[in-house]
Protein backbone atom coordinates (compact mmCIF):
# COMPACT_ATOMS: atom_id res chain seq x y z
CA MET A 1 43.93 -13.85 -19.17
CA CYS A 2 44.53 -14.84 -15.52
CA CYS A 3 44.31 -17.31 -13.07
CA PHE A 4 40.82 -18.07 -11.90
CA SER A 5 39.64 -19.75 -8.44
CA ARG A 6 36.78 -21.56 -10.39
CA ALA A 7 35.90 -23.00 -13.81
CA VAL A 8 34.91 -20.17 -16.21
CA GLU A 9 32.80 -20.96 -19.41
CA GLU A 10 34.99 -17.97 -21.72
CA VAL A 11 37.26 -15.65 -21.26
CA LYS A 12 38.37 -12.95 -23.89
CA ASN A 13 39.28 -9.89 -25.21
CA THR A 14 41.70 -8.98 -22.46
CA ARG A 15 43.42 -5.63 -22.35
CA ILE A 16 46.17 -4.60 -19.94
CA PHE A 17 47.69 -1.34 -19.55
CA ALA A 18 51.00 -0.92 -17.85
CA ARG A 19 53.14 2.03 -16.84
CA LEU A 20 56.18 2.32 -14.43
CA GLY A 21 55.28 5.30 -11.89
CA ALA A 22 56.88 7.40 -9.28
CA LYS A 23 58.85 5.85 -6.09
CA GLY A 24 59.40 2.52 -7.51
CA ARG A 25 55.69 1.71 -8.51
CA GLN A 26 54.18 0.21 -11.20
CA VAL A 27 50.24 1.17 -12.35
CA LEU A 28 48.14 -1.78 -14.11
CA VAL A 29 44.96 -1.91 -15.48
CA TYR A 30 43.02 -5.08 -16.51
CA GLN A 31 39.87 -5.67 -18.52
CA MET A 32 38.67 -8.63 -20.27
CA ALA A 33 35.08 -10.14 -21.04
CA LEU A 34 34.00 -13.23 -19.02
CA GLU A 35 31.46 -15.82 -18.63
CA ALA A 36 31.16 -17.75 -15.16
CA LYS A 37 28.44 -19.75 -13.55
CA GLU A 38 29.40 -19.14 -10.13
CA ASP A 39 30.97 -16.59 -8.31
CA LEU A 40 34.95 -16.64 -8.58
CA ALA A 41 37.95 -14.78 -8.04
CA MET A 42 40.65 -13.26 -10.66
CA VAL A 43 44.14 -13.63 -9.14
CA LEU A 44 47.12 -11.60 -10.89
CA PRO A 45 50.60 -12.59 -9.52
CA ILE A 46 52.71 -9.37 -9.41
CA PRO A 47 56.34 -9.15 -8.30
CA VAL A 48 56.22 -6.86 -5.25
CA VAL A 49 59.19 -5.80 -3.26
CA LYS A 50 60.16 -8.33 -0.71
CA GLY A 51 58.38 -7.66 2.37
CA THR A 52 55.43 -5.58 1.06
CA GLY A 53 52.34 -5.75 3.46
CA GLU A 54 48.91 -6.13 2.73
CA ASP A 55 48.58 -2.49 2.64
CA GLY A 56 51.39 -2.07 0.08
CA VAL A 57 49.21 -2.51 -3.11
CA THR A 58 46.65 0.55 -3.60
CA PHE A 59 43.49 -0.24 -5.72
CA PHE A 60 41.50 2.70 -8.00
CA ASP A 61 38.05 2.43 -8.79
CA LEU A 62 37.56 2.90 -12.51
CA SER A 63 34.01 2.07 -12.60
CA LYS A 64 33.18 5.24 -14.13
CA TYR A 65 35.31 4.91 -17.02
CA ALA A 66 34.38 1.41 -18.57
CA GLY A 67 35.62 2.58 -21.69
CA LEU A 68 39.21 3.38 -21.31
CA PHE A 69 40.38 0.54 -23.31
CA ALA A 70 38.13 1.47 -26.40
CA ASP A 71 39.60 4.81 -26.05
CA LEU A 72 43.26 3.62 -26.00
CA ALA A 73 42.42 1.56 -29.06
CA LEU A 74 41.34 5.05 -30.92
CA LEU A 75 45.23 6.01 -30.40
CA PHE A 76 45.88 3.37 -33.01
CA PRO A 77 44.61 3.72 -36.81
CA MET A 78 44.56 -0.06 -37.63
CA PRO A 79 44.23 -3.16 -35.58
CA LYS A 80 47.83 -5.08 -36.03
CA SER A 81 48.40 -8.95 -34.95
CA ALA A 82 51.42 -9.18 -33.36
CA GLY A 83 53.55 -11.92 -30.92
CA GLY A 84 55.52 -10.26 -28.12
CA PRO A 85 58.43 -11.71 -26.28
CA PHE A 86 57.87 -13.34 -22.77
CA GLY A 87 59.87 -13.06 -19.73
CA GLU A 88 60.67 -16.21 -17.90
CA VAL A 89 58.36 -16.55 -15.99
CA SER A 90 52.79 -21.08 6.29
CA ARG A 91 49.53 -21.57 6.83
CA GLY A 92 49.27 -20.10 10.37
CA VAL A 93 46.63 -21.23 12.87
CA GLY A 94 44.02 -18.66 13.45
CA ALA A 95 46.03 -16.09 10.96
CA ALA A 96 43.70 -12.82 10.51
CA LYS A 97 41.46 -12.55 7.59
CA LEU A 98 42.99 -10.62 4.61
CA LYS A 99 41.70 -6.95 4.54
CA VAL A 100 38.68 -6.60 1.61
CA GLN A 101 38.55 -3.03 -0.23
CA SER A 102 35.42 -2.47 -2.18
CA VAL A 103 36.49 -1.13 -5.50
CA GLY A 104 33.66 -0.23 -8.07
CA ALA A 105 31.96 -3.66 -8.78
CA TYR A 106 34.36 -5.54 -7.21
CA ASP A 107 35.71 -6.25 -3.41
CA ALA A 108 39.57 -6.59 -3.96
CA SER A 109 42.46 -7.99 -1.69
CA PHE A 110 46.20 -8.05 -2.00
CA VAL A 111 47.78 -11.64 -0.79
CA PRO A 112 51.20 -10.42 0.39
CA ARG A 113 52.69 -14.35 -0.36
CA VAL A 114 51.23 -17.86 -1.55
CA ALA A 115 50.85 -18.89 2.00
CA ASP A 116 48.36 -16.13 2.81
CA PHE A 117 45.82 -17.57 0.28
CA SER A 118 44.63 -19.65 3.27
CA ARG A 119 43.23 -16.32 5.14
CA LEU A 120 40.87 -15.56 2.14
CA ASP A 121 37.45 -17.55 1.49
CA GLU A 122 37.73 -20.75 0.13
CA ARG A 123 35.75 -19.64 -2.96
CA PHE A 124 38.60 -17.42 -4.18
CA ARG A 125 41.69 -19.51 -3.76
CA LEU A 126 43.36 -21.27 -6.22
CA PRO A 127 43.82 -25.44 -5.68
CA ALA A 128 46.35 -26.43 -3.02
CA GLY A 129 49.98 -26.99 -4.37
CA VAL A 130 49.32 -24.86 -7.93
CA TRP A 131 51.76 -22.83 -7.47
CA ASP A 132 54.49 -25.37 -6.76
CA GLU A 133 53.53 -26.18 -10.56
CA VAL A 134 55.02 -22.79 -11.69
CA PRO A 135 58.72 -21.98 -10.53
CA GLY A 136 59.50 -18.25 -9.92
CA TYR A 137 56.48 -17.21 -8.18
CA ALA A 138 57.81 -17.95 -4.55
CA ASP A 139 58.54 -13.91 -3.88
CA PHE A 140 55.23 -12.66 -5.60
CA GLY A 141 52.52 -10.96 -4.35
CA PHE A 142 48.96 -11.18 -5.54
CA ALA A 143 46.08 -9.10 -6.60
CA VAL A 144 42.65 -10.81 -5.93
CA PHE A 145 39.28 -9.41 -7.38
CA LYS A 146 36.04 -11.16 -6.39
CA LEU A 147 33.83 -11.35 -9.30
CA LYS A 148 30.26 -12.13 -9.79
CA ALA A 149 28.74 -14.77 -11.80
CA GLY A 150 27.27 -13.43 -15.35
CA HIS A 151 28.24 -12.86 -18.75
CA GLY A 152 29.82 -9.86 -20.37
CA GLU A 153 32.64 -7.31 -20.03
CA VAL A 154 33.63 -6.38 -16.62
CA HIS A 155 34.74 -2.94 -16.05
CA PRO A 156 38.52 -2.04 -15.70
CA MET A 157 40.40 -3.53 -12.66
CA ALA A 158 43.27 -1.13 -11.38
CA PHE A 159 46.14 -0.97 -8.74
CA ALA A 160 49.44 0.25 -8.25
CA PHE A 161 52.30 -1.87 -6.37
CA PRO A 162 55.91 -1.53 -5.46
CA THR A 163 57.83 -3.23 -8.17
CA ALA A 164 60.62 -5.55 -7.51
CA THR A 165 61.76 -5.50 -11.02
CA PRO A 166 62.82 -1.57 -11.75
CA GLY A 167 63.40 -1.14 -15.45
CA GLN A 168 61.19 -3.62 -16.63
CA VAL A 169 57.02 -3.58 -17.14
CA PHE A 170 55.25 -6.62 -15.84
CA PHE A 171 52.07 -8.09 -17.57
CA PRO A 172 50.15 -10.78 -15.69
CA THR A 173 49.47 -12.84 -18.88
CA LEU A 174 49.83 -16.40 -16.86
CA HIS A 175 46.97 -18.51 -17.48
CA ILE A 176 45.60 -21.00 -14.91
CA HIS A 177 41.47 -21.39 -15.75
CA ASP A 178 40.95 -25.22 -14.54
CA GLY A 179 43.41 -25.38 -11.59
CA GLU A 180 46.15 -26.76 -14.01
CA VAL A 181 49.09 -25.08 -15.57
CA HIS A 182 49.68 -25.96 -19.23
CA ASP A 183 52.73 -25.47 -21.20
CA ARG A 184 51.00 -23.41 -24.05
CA GLU A 185 47.48 -21.65 -24.07
CA VAL A 186 45.15 -19.79 -26.09
CA PHE A 187 45.77 -15.91 -25.88
CA ASP A 188 43.25 -13.33 -26.95
CA HIS A 189 45.25 -10.06 -25.63
CA THR A 190 45.91 -6.59 -26.10
CA LEU A 191 48.83 -5.07 -24.17
CA TYR A 192 49.06 -1.38 -23.96
CA LEU A 193 52.56 -0.01 -22.20
CA GLN A 194 53.10 3.56 -21.83
CA ALA A 195 56.67 5.20 -21.53
CA GLU A 196 59.01 8.01 -22.17
CA ARG A 197 60.87 5.53 -24.53
CA GLY A 198 59.23 2.22 -25.65
CA PRO A 199 60.20 -1.18 -26.28
CA GLN A 200 62.98 -1.40 -29.24
CA ARG A 201 61.69 -4.85 -30.29
CA GLY A 202 58.94 -7.74 -29.85
CA GLY A 203 56.39 -6.37 -32.03
CA TRP A 204 55.38 -3.31 -30.24
CA GLU A 205 53.83 -0.40 -32.24
CA GLU A 206 54.01 3.24 -31.03
CA SER A 207 50.85 5.27 -31.30
CA PRO A 208 50.77 8.40 -33.51
CA GLY A 209 49.29 10.76 -31.26
CA LEU A 210 49.27 11.51 -27.31
CA PRO A 211 46.64 9.97 -25.08
CA VAL A 212 45.33 13.53 -24.29
CA THR A 213 43.91 13.66 -27.70
CA ARG A 214 41.53 10.15 -27.29
CA VAL A 215 41.78 9.30 -23.63
CA LYS A 216 40.13 11.01 -20.55
CA CYS A 217 42.88 10.90 -18.60
CA GLY A 218 41.33 12.50 -15.80
CA LEU A 219 39.06 9.59 -15.02
CA THR A 220 42.51 7.23 -14.68
CA HIS A 221 43.52 8.70 -11.42
CA GLY A 222 46.69 9.30 -12.92
CA MET A 223 47.30 6.04 -14.31
CA VAL A 224 47.22 7.21 -18.04
CA ARG A 225 49.60 10.26 -18.62
CA PRO A 226 48.42 12.63 -21.08
CA GLU A 227 51.97 13.76 -22.26
CA GLN A 228 53.53 10.20 -23.28
CA HIS A 229 53.15 7.95 -25.99
CA VAL A 230 51.34 4.64 -25.98
CA TYR A 231 52.70 1.30 -27.39
CA ARG A 232 50.47 -1.73 -28.16
CA ASN A 233 51.19 -5.54 -28.70
CA VAL A 234 48.21 -7.48 -29.76
CA MET A 235 48.59 -11.45 -28.97
CA ARG A 236 46.15 -13.97 -30.42
CA GLY A 237 46.57 -17.35 -30.96
CA LYS A 238 48.38 -19.82 -29.08
CA PHE A 239 51.82 -18.94 -27.15
CA THR A 240 53.84 -20.30 -24.34
CA ASN A 241 52.07 -19.75 -21.00
CA GLY A 242 53.74 -17.49 -18.85
CA ASP A 243 53.72 -13.58 -17.94
CA VAL A 244 55.03 -10.89 -20.18
CA VAL A 245 57.92 -8.87 -19.22
CA VAL A 246 59.06 -5.90 -20.86
CA ASP A 247 62.74 -4.16 -20.78
CA LEU A 248 62.41 -0.71 -20.89
CA PRO A 249 65.49 1.41 -22.67
CA ALA A 250 67.50 3.53 -20.28
CA ALA A 251 66.46 7.24 -20.64
């Protein structure tokens, strides 16, 4: 689940893949099923290195691999319900509009900081002051995907960013669906993490086989590595509303 600029009728079956990449970057892939009556934006807060400009985030087109998460699920023999740990979770006059990129079925933008939301179309902004209700996001950037009204599964959204938290993998799971931030929310998430050494606690299970056996890694722009095991955490039910941050063990 994530943050939406307009009301949504239903969001379910959220799946997120994350991996630390080269040169201090993290890759992130996000997919869900959505029902919305009007065009809106999905906003994903991300812990970027301070000073990252609007070209600092790279977006990837995965429209030709809508089945990525279905293939990742095949790495695991049976579904497993488990809970995971949570990490703690100026408007310029005449400012230039943010760069918009076409990524498959979406238009995507990177918003470097909260104040830069004023440079987006009003339909794709969250209500003014909403980030004041959630401490800890002052130095975050935001990946924004503009979605069409409709019902059904959207193809995976993918990007890489310079992470401000090396040694940790960040999953954007904060919920803002109605312009308000609630202490607890209903989760319907499956988180996938890829690393040389996976988390030592928190309900994560390791895939018996390697992605090369099930996943078309060549269609992921290098985001899914064929030679590293994948770890999974299924979160269904009511949880504290916040993002998931996973500490990786040192090599």
